[in-house]
Amino acid sequence: MKMEFDHIGLITEEKRAGEVWVEKTKVWVTDYKTHPFRVEWLRFREDTPVKGAVRHKPHIAYRVEDIKEAGRDLKVLLEPFDVGFAVVAFFETPDGAVVELMEYK
């Protein structure tokens, strides 16, 4: 299965320039596509529905051709959902890393 690095997501409590609000997950995010090192900053509101490792740990994101195939042996943290330009899902590796898999449209 081919995987290509897409971005890294880092949790912050500081307001960042250019962040946008995502109502569904109650989080402000920056655009990793404009960051020179592909960093996405995430600032969660207290009442976010996002819980556990996705809420508290950084994640690394990869582009994949098939989320179901790429995530087959991983623990599902957030089931696949549509973000407009891609379908994404969050998983945990056996050693505890949080991984976002992205199937671009």
PDB file of N, CA and C in Angstrom:
ATOM      1  N   MET A   1       0.849  -1.181   0.000  1.00  0.00           N
ATOM      2  CA  MET A   1       0.000   0.000   0.000  1.00  0.00           C
ATOM      3  C   MET A   1       0.893   1.242   0.000  1.00  0.00           C
ATOM      4  N   LYS A   2       0.697   2.079  -0.980  1.00  0.00           N
ATOM      5  CA  LYS A   2       1.459   3.316  -1.101  1.00  0.00           C
ATOM      6  C   LYS A   2       0.901   4.374  -0.150  1.00  0.00           C
ATOM      7  N   MET A   3       1.781   4.995   0.623  1.00  0.00           N
ATOM      8  CA  MET A   3       1.408   6.113   1.497  1.00  0.00           C
ATOM      9  C   MET A   3       2.369   7.259   1.216  1.00  0.00           C
ATOM     10  N   GLU A   4       1.821   8.461   1.175  1.00  0.00           N
ATOM     11  CA  GLU A   4       2.628   9.656   0.927  1.00  0.00           C
ATOM     12  C   GLU A   4       2.389  10.657   2.054  1.00  0.00           C
ATOM     13  N   PHE A   5       3.471  11.177   2.647  1.00  0.00           N
ATOM     14  CA  PHE A   5       3.345  12.176   3.716  1.00  0.00           C
ATOM     15  C   PHE A   5       2.494  13.336   3.231  1.00  0.00           C
ATOM     16  N   ASP A   6       1.578  13.806   4.083  1.00  0.00           N
ATOM     17  CA  ASP A   6       0.740  14.953   3.751  1.00  0.00           C
ATOM     18  C   ASP A   6       0.987  16.116   4.709  1.00  0.00           C
ATOM     19  N   HIS A   7       0.870  15.877   6.029  1.00  0.00           N
ATOM     20  CA  HIS A   7       1.114  16.947   7.001  1.00  0.00           C
ATOM     21  C   HIS A   7       1.254  16.359   8.398  1.00  0.00           C
ATOM     22  N   ILE A   8       1.628  17.228   9.320  1.00  0.00           N
ATOM     23  CA  ILE A   8       1.641  16.862  10.739  1.00  0.00           C
ATOM     24  C   ILE A   8       0.704  17.813  11.460  1.00  0.00           C
ATOM     25  N   GLY A   9      -0.062  17.282  12.386  1.00  0.00           N
ATOM     26  CA  GLY A   9      -1.015  18.089  13.155  1.00  0.00           C
ATOM     27  C   GLY A   9      -0.533  18.228  14.590  1.00  0.00           C
ATOM     28  N   LEU A  10      -0.417  19.461  15.048  1.00  0.00           N
ATOM     29  CA  LEU A  10       0.064  19.741  16.397  1.00  0.00           C
ATOM     30  C   LEU A  10      -1.008  20.483  17.190  1.00  0.00           C
ATOM     31  N   ILE A  11      -1.197  20.068  18.422  1.00  0.00           N
ATOM     32  CA  ILE A  11      -2.193  20.680  19.302  1.00  0.00           C
ATOM     33  C   ILE A  11      -1.601  21.945  19.938  1.00  0.00           C
ATOM     34  N   THR A  12      -2.409  22.984  20.002  1.00  0.00           N
ATOM     35  CA  THR A  12      -1.980  24.228  20.625  1.00  0.00           C
ATOM     36  C   THR A  12      -3.135  24.830  21.421  1.00  0.00           C
ATOM     37  N   GLU A  13      -2.809  25.691  22.336  1.00  0.00           N
ATOM     38  CA  GLU A  13      -3.824  26.471  23.048  1.00  0.00           C
ATOM     39  C   GLU A  13      -3.717  27.937  22.665  1.00  0.00           C
ATOM     40  N   GLU A  14      -2.739  28.258  21.812  1.00  0.00           N
ATOM     41  CA  GLU A  14      -2.517  29.633  21.365  1.00  0.00           C
ATOM     42  C   GLU A  14      -3.247  29.898  20.061  1.00  0.00           C
ATOM     43  N   LYS A  15      -3.857  31.071  19.948  1.00  0.00           N
ATOM     44  CA  LYS A  15      -4.486  31.477  18.702  1.00  0.00           C
ATOM     45  C   LYS A  15      -3.389  31.639  17.644  1.00  0.00           C
ATOM     46  N   ARG A  16      -3.646  31.138  16.448  1.00  0.00           N
ATOM     47  CA  ARG A  16      -2.675  31.191  15.351  1.00  0.00           C
ATOM     48  C   ARG A  16      -3.222  32.015  14.196  1.00  0.00           C
ATOM     49  N   ALA A  17      -2.343  32.695  13.514  1.00  0.00           N
ATOM     50  CA  ALA A  17      -2.730  33.482  12.348  1.00  0.00           C
ATOM     51  C   ALA A  17      -3.333  32.557  11.291  1.00  0.00           C
ATOM     52  N   GLY A  18      -4.432  33.000  10.699  1.00  0.00           N
ATOM     53  CA  GLY A  18      -5.029  32.264   9.599  1.00  0.00           C
ATOM     54  C   GLY A  18      -5.879  31.071   9.984  1.00  0.00           C
ATOM     55  N   GLU A  19      -6.084  30.850  11.281  1.00  0.00           N
ATOM     56  CA  GLU A  19      -6.884  29.684  11.670  1.00  0.00           C
ATOM     57  C   GLU A  19      -8.345  29.879  11.286  1.00  0.00           C
ATOM     58  N   VAL A  20      -8.995  28.757  10.974  1.00  0.00           N
ATOM     59  CA  VAL A  20     -10.409  28.783  10.612  1.00  0.00           C
ATOM     60  C   VAL A  20     -11.175  27.848  11.537  1.00  0.00           C
ATOM     61  N   TRP A  21     -12.446  28.143  11.721  1.00  0.00           N
ATOM     62  CA  TRP A  21     -13.304  27.405  12.638  1.00  0.00           C
ATOM     63  C   TRP A  21     -13.958  26.232  11.912  1.00  0.00           C
ATOM     64  N   VAL A  22     -13.930  25.059  12.548  1.00  0.00           N
ATOM     65  CA  VAL A  22     -14.616  23.874  12.042  1.00  0.00           C
ATOM     66  C   VAL A  22     -15.706  23.521  13.061  1.00  0.00           C
ATOM     67  N   GLU A  23     -16.941  23.845  12.729  1.00  0.00           N
ATOM     68  CA  GLU A  23     -18.061  23.685  13.656  1.00  0.00           C
ATOM     69  C   GLU A  23     -18.263  22.238  14.086  1.00  0.00           C
ATOM     70  N   LYS A  24     -18.194  21.312  13.145  1.00  0.00           N
ATOM     71  CA  LYS A  24     -18.486  19.902  13.448  1.00  0.00           C
ATOM     72  C   LYS A  24     -17.613  19.360  14.582  1.00  0.00           C
ATOM     73  N   THR A  25     -16.328  19.718  14.572  1.00  0.00           N
ATOM     74  CA  THR A  25     -15.413  19.207  15.593  1.00  0.00           C
ATOM     75  C   THR A  25     -15.051  20.253  16.650  1.00  0.00           C
ATOM     76  N   LYS A  26     -15.586  21.464  16.498  1.00  0.00           N
ATOM     77  CA  LYS A  26     -15.328  22.558  17.443  1.00  0.00           C
ATOM     78  C   LYS A  26     -13.821  22.761  17.665  1.00  0.00           C
ATOM     79  N   VAL A  27     -13.161  23.051  16.561  1.00  0.00           N
ATOM     80  CA  VAL A  27     -11.715  23.247  16.573  1.00  0.00           C
ATOM     81  C   VAL A  27     -11.354  24.334  15.559  1.00  0.00           C
ATOM     82  N   TRP A  28     -10.355  25.131  15.894  1.00  0.00           N
ATOM     83  CA  TRP A  28      -9.761  26.060  14.955  1.00  0.00           C
ATOM     84  C   TRP A  28      -8.548  25.357  14.354  1.00  0.00           C
ATOM     85  N   VAL A  29      -8.383  25.445  13.050  1.00  0.00           N
ATOM     86  CA  VAL A  29      -7.244  24.810  12.380  1.00  0.00           C
ATOM     87  C   VAL A  29      -6.583  25.796  11.432  1.00  0.00           C
ATOM     88  N   THR A  30      -5.293  25.606  11.251  1.00  0.00           N
ATOM     89  CA  THR A  30      -4.568  26.388  10.251  1.00  0.00           C
ATOM     90  C   THR A  30      -4.429  25.552   8.986  1.00  0.00           C
ATOM     91  N   ASP A  31      -4.111  26.200   7.893  1.00  0.00           N
ATOM     92  CA  ASP A  31      -3.973  25.531   6.601  1.00  0.00           C
ATOM     93  C   ASP A  31      -2.541  25.015   6.435  1.00  0.00           C
ATOM     94  N   TYR A  32      -2.378  23.724   6.599  1.00  0.00           N
ATOM     95  CA  TYR A  32      -1.045  23.119   6.482  1.00  0.00           C
ATOM     96  C   TYR A  32      -0.465  23.268   5.083  1.00  0.00           C
ATOM     97  N   LYS A  33      -1.317  23.475   4.092  1.00  0.00           N
ATOM     98  CA  LYS A  33      -0.821  23.607   2.710  1.00  0.00           C
ATOM     99  C   LYS A  33      -0.021  24.896   2.516  1.00  0.00           C
ATOM    100  N   THR A  34      -0.236  25.881   3.390  1.00  0.00           N
ATOM    101  CA  THR A  34       0.500  27.144   3.276  1.00  0.00           C
ATOM    102  C   THR A  34       1.705  27.208   4.219  1.00  0.00           C
ATOM    103  N   HIS A  35       1.854  26.217   5.076  1.00  0.00           N
ATOM    104  CA  HIS A  35       2.970  26.184   6.024  1.00  0.00           C
ATOM    105  C   HIS A  35       4.193  25.562   5.343  1.00  0.00           C
ATOM    106  N   PRO A  36       5.373  26.173   5.464  1.00  0.00           N
ATOM    107  CA  PRO A  36       6.551  25.658   4.760  1.00  0.00           C
ATOM    108  C   PRO A  36       6.955  24.231   5.161  1.00  0.00           C
ATOM    109  N   PHE A  37       6.517  23.775   6.332  1.00  0.00           N
ATOM    110  CA  PHE A  37       6.850  22.419   6.777  1.00  0.00           C
ATOM    111  C   PHE A  37       5.603  21.540   6.923  1.00  0.00           C
ATOM    112  N   ARG A  38       4.494  21.994   6.320  1.00  0.00           N
ATOM    113  CA  ARG A  38       3.237  21.235   6.305  1.00  0.00           C
ATOM    114  C   ARG A  38       2.703  20.959   7.712  1.00  0.00           C
ATOM    115  N   VAL A  39       2.771  21.987   8.574  1.00  0.00           N
ATOM    116  CA  VAL A  39       2.259  21.879   9.941  1.00  0.00           C
ATOM    117  C   VAL A  39       0.829  22.418   9.978  1.00  0.00           C
ATOM    118  N   GLU A  40      -0.054  21.643  10.598  1.00  0.00           N
ATOM    119  CA  GLU A  40      -1.429  22.046  10.859  1.00  0.00           C
ATOM    120  C   GLU A  40      -1.543  22.252  12.369  1.00  0.00           C
ATOM    121  N   TRP A  41      -1.900  23.452  12.782  1.00  0.00           N
ATOM    122  CA  TRP A  41      -2.128  23.724  14.198  1.00  0.00           C
ATOM    123  C   TRP A  41      -3.602  23.521  14.497  1.00  0.00           C
ATOM    124  N   LEU A  42      -3.919  22.818  15.593  1.00  0.00           N
ATOM    125  CA  LEU A  42      -5.297  22.557  16.005  1.00  0.00           C
ATOM    126  C   LEU A  42      -5.501  23.115  17.407  1.00  0.00           C
ATOM    127  N   ARG A  43      -6.531  23.949  17.541  1.00  0.00           N
ATOM    128  CA  ARG A  43      -6.873  24.527  18.845  1.00  0.00           C
ATOM    129  C   ARG A  43      -8.320  24.166  19.145  1.00  0.00           C
ATOM    130  N   PHE A  44      -8.498  23.173  19.999  1.00  0.00           N
ATOM    131  CA  PHE A  44      -9.822  22.648  20.318  1.00  0.00           C
ATOM    132  C   PHE A  44     -10.544  23.513  21.346  1.00  0.00           C
ATOM    133  N   ARG A  45     -11.845  23.690  21.143  1.00  0.00           N
ATOM    134  CA  ARG A  45     -12.676  24.320  22.153  1.00  0.00           C
ATOM    135  C   ARG A  45     -12.957  23.277  23.233  1.00  0.00           C
ATOM    136  N   GLU A  46     -13.186  23.730  24.453  1.00  0.00           N
ATOM    137  CA  GLU A  46     -13.404  22.812  25.578  1.00  0.00           C
ATOM    138  C   GLU A  46     -14.496  21.790  25.332  1.00  0.00           C
ATOM    139  N   ASP A  47     -15.552  22.194  24.643  1.00  0.00           N
ATOM    140  CA  ASP A  47     -16.685  21.290  24.424  1.00  0.00           C
ATOM    141  C   ASP A  47     -16.592  20.501  23.111  1.00  0.00           C
ATOM    142  N   THR A  48     -15.384  20.330  22.591  1.00  0.00           N
ATOM    143  CA  THR A  48     -15.207  19.561  21.363  1.00  0.00           C
ATOM    144  C   THR A  48     -15.706  18.132  21.539  1.00  0.00           C
ATOM    145  N   PRO A  49     -16.319  17.572  20.503  1.00  0.00           N
ATOM    146  CA  PRO A  49     -16.710  16.166  20.575  1.00  0.00           C
ATOM    147  C   PRO A  49     -15.526  15.222  20.355  1.00  0.00           C
ATOM    148  N   VAL A  50     -14.388  15.778  19.953  1.00  0.00           N
ATOM    149  CA  VAL A  50     -13.191  14.969  19.724  1.00  0.00           C
ATOM    150  C   VAL A  50     -12.565  14.631  21.070  1.00  0.00           C
ATOM    151  N   LYS A  51     -12.386  13.363  21.319  1.00  0.00           N
ATOM    152  CA  LYS A  51     -11.880  12.897  22.614  1.00  0.00           C
ATOM    153  C   LYS A  51     -10.666  11.992  22.428  1.00  0.00           C
ATOM    154  N   GLY A  52     -10.043  11.655  23.523  1.00  0.00           N
ATOM    155  CA  GLY A  52      -8.957  10.675  23.519  1.00  0.00           C
ATOM    156  C   GLY A  52      -7.708  11.139  22.803  1.00  0.00           C
ATOM    157  N   ALA A  53      -7.040  10.194  22.184  1.00  0.00           N
ATOM    158  CA  ALA A  53      -5.725  10.444  21.581  1.00  0.00           C
ATOM    159  C   ALA A  53      -5.763  11.499  20.487  1.00  0.00           C
ATOM    160  N   VAL A  54      -6.831  11.539  19.686  1.00  0.00           N
ATOM    161  CA  VAL A  54      -6.918  12.541  18.612  1.00  0.00           C
ATOM    162  C   VAL A  54      -6.943  13.952  19.199  1.00  0.00           C
ATOM    163  N   ARG A  55      -7.552  14.102  20.346  1.00  0.00           N
ATOM    164  CA  ARG A  55      -7.660  15.405  21.005  1.00  0.00           C
ATOM    165  C   ARG A  55      -6.371  15.819  21.700  1.00  0.00           C
ATOM    166  N   HIS A  56      -5.596  14.837  22.179  1.00  0.00           N
ATOM    167  CA  HIS A  56      -4.471  15.165  23.050  1.00  0.00           C
ATOM    168  C   HIS A  56      -3.086  14.874  22.490  1.00  0.00           C
ATOM    169  N   LYS A  57      -2.993  14.148  21.394  1.00  0.00           N
ATOM    170  CA  LYS A  57      -1.686  13.809  20.826  1.00  0.00           C
ATOM    171  C   LYS A  57      -1.540  14.421  19.440  1.00  0.00           C
ATOM    172  N   PRO A  58      -0.318  14.715  19.038  1.00  0.00           N
ATOM    173  CA  PRO A  58      -0.096  15.152  17.654  1.00  0.00           C
ATOM    174  C   PRO A  58      -0.401  13.989  16.716  1.00  0.00           C
ATOM    175  N   HIS A  59      -0.653  14.311  15.462  1.00  0.00           N
ATOM    176  CA  HIS A  59      -0.867  13.256  14.470  1.00  0.00           C
ATOM    177  C   HIS A  59      -0.029  13.516  13.233  1.00  0.00           C
ATOM    178  N   ILE A  60       0.226  12.448  12.499  1.00  0.00           N
ATOM    179  CA  ILE A  60       0.889  12.563  11.212  1.00  0.00           C
ATOM    180  C   ILE A  60      -0.085  12.046  10.166  1.00  0.00           C
ATOM    181  N   ALA A  61      -0.198  12.772   9.058  1.00  0.00           N
ATOM    182  CA  ALA A  61      -1.193  12.436   8.038  1.00  0.00           C
ATOM    183  C   ALA A  61      -0.513  11.950   6.763  1.00  0.00           C
ATOM    184  N   TYR A  62      -1.139  10.958   6.163  1.00  0.00           N
ATOM    185  CA  TYR A  62      -0.654  10.377   4.919  1.00  0.00           C
ATOM    186  C   TYR A  62      -1.785  10.307   3.908  1.00  0.00           C
ATOM    187  N   ARG A  63      -1.438  10.573   2.645  1.00  0.00           N
ATOM    188  CA  ARG A  63      -2.366  10.347   1.538  1.00  0.00           C
ATOM    189  C   ARG A  63      -2.315   8.864   1.202  1.00  0.00           C
ATOM    190  N   VAL A  64      -3.478   8.278   1.039  1.00  0.00           N
ATOM    191  CA  VAL A  64      -3.559   6.869   0.665  1.00  0.00           C
ATOM    192  C   VAL A  64      -4.599   6.720  -0.445  1.00  0.00           C
ATOM    193  N   GLU A  65      -4.527   5.626  -1.167  1.00  0.00           N
ATOM    194  CA  GLU A  65      -5.498   5.359  -2.222  1.00  0.00           C
ATOM    195  C   GLU A  65      -6.776   4.761  -1.655  1.00  0.00           C
ATOM    196  N   ASP A  66      -6.673   4.029  -0.530  1.00  0.00           N
ATOM    197  CA  ASP A  66      -7.821   3.332   0.037  1.00  0.00           C
ATOM    198  C   ASP A  66      -7.691   3.323   1.563  1.00  0.00           C
ATOM    199  N   ILE A  67      -8.503   4.128   2.240  1.00  0.00           N
ATOM    200  CA  ILE A  67      -8.437   4.231   3.701  1.00  0.00           C
ATOM    201  C   ILE A  67      -8.678   2.878   4.365  1.00  0.00           C
ATOM    202  N   LYS A  68      -9.687   2.165   3.905  1.00  0.00           N
ATOM    203  CA  LYS A  68     -10.015   0.876   4.530  1.00  0.00           C
ATOM    204  C   LYS A  68      -8.836  -0.086   4.463  1.00  0.00           C
ATOM    205  N   GLU A  69      -8.183  -0.143   3.332  1.00  0.00           N
ATOM    206  CA  GLU A  69      -7.028  -1.031   3.172  1.00  0.00           C
ATOM    207  C   GLU A  69      -5.847  -0.547   4.018  1.00  0.00           C
ATOM    208  N   ALA A  70      -5.549   0.740   3.966  1.00  0.00           N
ATOM    209  CA  ALA A  70      -4.399   1.288   4.690  1.00  0.00           C
ATOM    210  C   ALA A  70      -4.574   1.197   6.203  1.00  0.00           C
ATOM    211  N   GLY A  71      -5.812   1.297   6.685  1.00  0.00           N
ATOM    212  CA  GLY A  71      -6.059   1.266   8.124  1.00  0.00           C
ATOM    213  C   GLY A  71      -6.466  -0.098   8.652  1.00  0.00           C
ATOM    214  N   ARG A  72      -6.374  -1.105   7.825  1.00  0.00           N
ATOM    215  CA  ARG A  72      -6.885  -2.441   8.157  1.00  0.00           C
ATOM    216  C   ARG A  72      -6.405  -2.988   9.494  1.00  0.00           C
ATOM    217  N   ASP A  73      -5.140  -2.852   9.823  1.00  0.00           N
ATOM    218  CA  ASP A  73      -4.591  -3.443  11.056  1.00  0.00           C
ATOM    219  C   ASP A  73      -4.402  -2.422  12.177  1.00  0.00           C
ATOM    220  N   LEU A  74      -5.031  -1.264  12.047  1.00  0.00           N
ATOM    221  CA  LEU A  74      -4.878  -0.197  13.036  1.00  0.00           C
ATOM    222  C   LEU A  74      -6.157  -0.031  13.847  1.00  0.00           C
ATOM    223  N   LYS A  75      -6.016   0.516  15.043  1.00  0.00           N
ATOM    224  CA  LYS A  75      -7.176   0.802  15.906  1.00  0.00           C
ATOM    225  C   LYS A  75      -7.857   2.069  15.400  1.00  0.00           C
ATOM    226  N   VAL A  76      -9.147   2.007  15.148  1.00  0.00           N
ATOM    227  CA  VAL A  76      -9.911   3.156  14.657  1.00  0.00           C
ATOM    228  C   VAL A  76     -10.188   4.114  15.812  1.00  0.00           C
ATOM    229  N   LEU A  77      -9.802   5.372  15.628  1.00  0.00           N
ATOM    230  CA  LEU A  77     -10.095   6.422  16.610  1.00  0.00           C
ATOM    231  C   LEU A  77     -11.268   7.278  16.153  1.00  0.00           C
ATOM    232  N   LEU A  78     -11.289   7.627  14.866  1.00  0.00           N
ATOM    233  CA  LEU A  78     -12.407   8.351  14.255  1.00  0.00           C
ATOM    234  C   LEU A  78     -12.692   7.697  12.908  1.00  0.00           C
ATOM    235  N   GLU A  79     -13.902   7.239  12.739  1.00  0.00           N
ATOM    236  CA  GLU A  79     -14.325   6.605  11.485  1.00  0.00           C
ATOM    237  C   GLU A  79     -14.158   7.587  10.323  1.00  0.00           C
ATOM    238  N   PRO A  80     -14.029   7.084   9.089  1.00  0.00           N
ATOM    239  CA  PRO A  80     -13.900   7.966   7.929  1.00  0.00           C
ATOM    240  C   PRO A  80     -15.043   8.979   7.833  1.00  0.00           C
ATOM    241  N   PHE A  81     -14.672  10.227   7.498  1.00  0.00           N
ATOM    242  CA  PHE A  81     -15.661  11.286   7.295  1.00  0.00           C
ATOM    243  C   PHE A  81     -15.179  12.213   6.195  1.00  0.00           C
ATOM    244  N   ASP A  82     -16.109  12.866   5.541  1.00  0.00           N
ATOM    245  CA  ASP A  82     -15.840  13.713   4.384  1.00  0.00           C
ATOM    246  C   ASP A  82     -15.505  15.124   4.841  1.00  0.00           C
ATOM    247  N   VAL A  83     -14.370  15.650   4.368  1.00  0.00           N
ATOM    248  CA  VAL A  83     -13.987  17.027   4.695  1.00  0.00           C
ATOM    249  C   VAL A  83     -14.038  17.934   3.460  1.00  0.00           C
ATOM    250  N   GLY A  84     -14.678  17.442   2.404  1.00  0.00           N
ATOM    251  CA  GLY A  84     -14.815  18.244   1.191  1.00  0.00           C
ATOM    252  C   GLY A  84     -13.851  17.819   0.091  1.00  0.00           C
ATOM    253  N   PHE A  85     -12.584  18.029   0.309  1.00  0.00           N
ATOM    254  CA  PHE A  85     -11.576  17.688  -0.687  1.00  0.00           C
ATOM    255  C   PHE A  85     -11.038  16.268  -0.525  1.00  0.00           C
ATOM    256  N   ALA A  86     -11.405  15.609   0.601  1.00  0.00           N
ATOM    257  CA  ALA A  86     -10.909  14.256   0.889  1.00  0.00           C
ATOM    258  C   ALA A  86     -11.819  13.588   1.911  1.00  0.00           C
ATOM    259  N   VAL A  87     -11.673  12.288   2.008  1.00  0.00           N
ATOM    260  CA  VAL A  87     -12.256  11.526   3.103  1.00  0.00           C
ATOM    261  C   VAL A  87     -11.097  11.208   4.029  1.00  0.00           C
ATOM    262  N   VAL A  88     -11.280  11.441   5.333  1.00  0.00           N
ATOM    263  CA  VAL A  88     -10.198  11.224   6.290  1.00  0.00           C
ATOM    264  C   VAL A  88     -10.675  10.335   7.432  1.00  0.00           C
ATOM    265  N   ALA A  89      -9.728   9.679   8.065  1.00  0.00           N
ATOM    266  CA  ALA A  89     -10.011   8.874   9.252  1.00  0.00           C
ATOM    267  C   ALA A  89      -8.772   8.903  10.130  1.00  0.00           C
ATOM    268  N   PHE A  90      -8.977   8.721  11.433  1.00  0.00           N
ATOM    269  CA  PHE A  90      -7.867   8.716  12.388  1.00  0.00           C
ATOM    270  C   PHE A  90      -7.734   7.330  13.000  1.00  0.00           C
ATOM    271  N   PHE A  91      -6.473   6.914  13.156  1.00  0.00           N
ATOM    272  CA  PHE A  91      -6.151   5.598  13.677  1.00  0.00           C
ATOM    273  C   PHE A  91      -5.037   5.707  14.705  1.00  0.00           C
ATOM    274  N   GLU A  92      -4.867   4.645  15.482  1.00  0.00           N
ATOM    275  CA  GLU A  92      -3.743   4.554  16.412  1.00  0.00           C
ATOM    276  C   GLU A  92      -2.918   3.331  16.020  1.00  0.00           C
ATOM    277  N   THR A  93      -1.612   3.520  15.943  1.00  0.00           N
ATOM    278  CA  THR A  93      -0.713   2.419  15.618  1.00  0.00           C
ATOM    279  C   THR A  93      -0.500   1.562  16.871  1.00  0.00           C
ATOM    280  N   PRO A  94       0.002   0.341  16.714  1.00  0.00           N
ATOM    281  CA  PRO A  94       0.224  -0.523  17.879  1.00  0.00           C
ATOM    282  C   PRO A  94       1.115   0.107  18.955  1.00  0.00           C
ATOM    283  N   ASP A  95       2.012   1.031  18.566  1.00  0.00           N
ATOM    284  CA  ASP A  95       2.884   1.662  19.554  1.00  0.00           C
ATOM    285  C   ASP A  95       2.348   3.000  20.063  1.00  0.00           C
ATOM    286  N   GLY A  96       1.084   3.346  19.704  1.00  0.00           N
ATOM    287  CA  GLY A  96       0.441   4.516  20.279  1.00  0.00           C
ATOM    288  C   GLY A  96       0.466   5.798  19.475  1.00  0.00           C
ATOM    289  N   ALA A  97       1.042   5.791  18.274  1.00  0.00           N
ATOM    290  CA  ALA A  97       1.057   7.004  17.449  1.00  0.00           C
ATOM    291  C   ALA A  97      -0.322   7.210  16.811  1.00  0.00           C
ATOM    292  N   VAL A  98      -0.707   8.478  16.660  1.00  0.00           N
ATOM    293  CA  VAL A  98      -1.952   8.818  16.007  1.00  0.00           C
ATOM    294  C   VAL A  98      -1.661   9.147  14.545  1.00  0.00           C
ATOM    295  N   VAL A  99      -2.409   8.482  13.648  1.00  0.00           N
ATOM    296  CA  VAL A  99      -2.203   8.637  12.204  1.00  0.00           C
ATOM    297  C   VAL A  99      -3.520   9.032  11.553  1.00  0.00           C
ATOM    298  N   GLU A 100      -3.449  10.039  10.704  1.00  0.00           N
ATOM    299  CA  GLU A 100      -4.607  10.427   9.888  1.00  0.00           C
ATOM    300  C   GLU A 100      -4.364   9.905   8.489  1.00  0.00           C
ATOM    301  N   LEU A 101      -5.309   9.157   7.963  1.00  0.00           N
ATOM    302  CA  LEU A 101      -5.224   8.683   6.588  1.00  0.00           C
ATOM    303  C   LEU A 101      -6.196   9.493   5.762  1.00  0.00           C
ATOM    304  N   MET A 102      -5.746   9.952   4.587  1.00  0.00           N
ATOM    305  CA  MET A 102      -6.518  10.857   3.754  1.00  0.00           C
ATOM    306  C   MET A 102      -6.650  10.274   2.352  1.00  0.00           C
ATOM    307  N   GLU A 103      -7.867  10.077   1.932  1.00  0.00           N
ATOM    308  CA  GLU A 103      -8.156   9.593   0.582  1.00  0.00           C
ATOM    309  C   GLU A 103      -8.688  10.788  -0.195  1.00  0.00           C
ATOM    310  N   TYR A 104      -7.811  11.420  -0.996  1.00  0.00           N
ATOM    311  CA  TYR A 104      -8.182  12.611  -1.747  1.00  0.00           C
ATOM    312  C   TYR A 104      -9.150  12.242  -2.851  1.00  0.00           C
ATOM    313  N   LYS A 105     -10.081  13.162  -3.131  1.00  0.00           N
ATOM    314  CA  LYS A 105     -11.082  12.941  -4.187  1.00  0.00           C
ATOM    315  C   LYS A 105     -10.490  13.241  -5.541  1.00  0.00           C
TER     316      LYS A 105
END
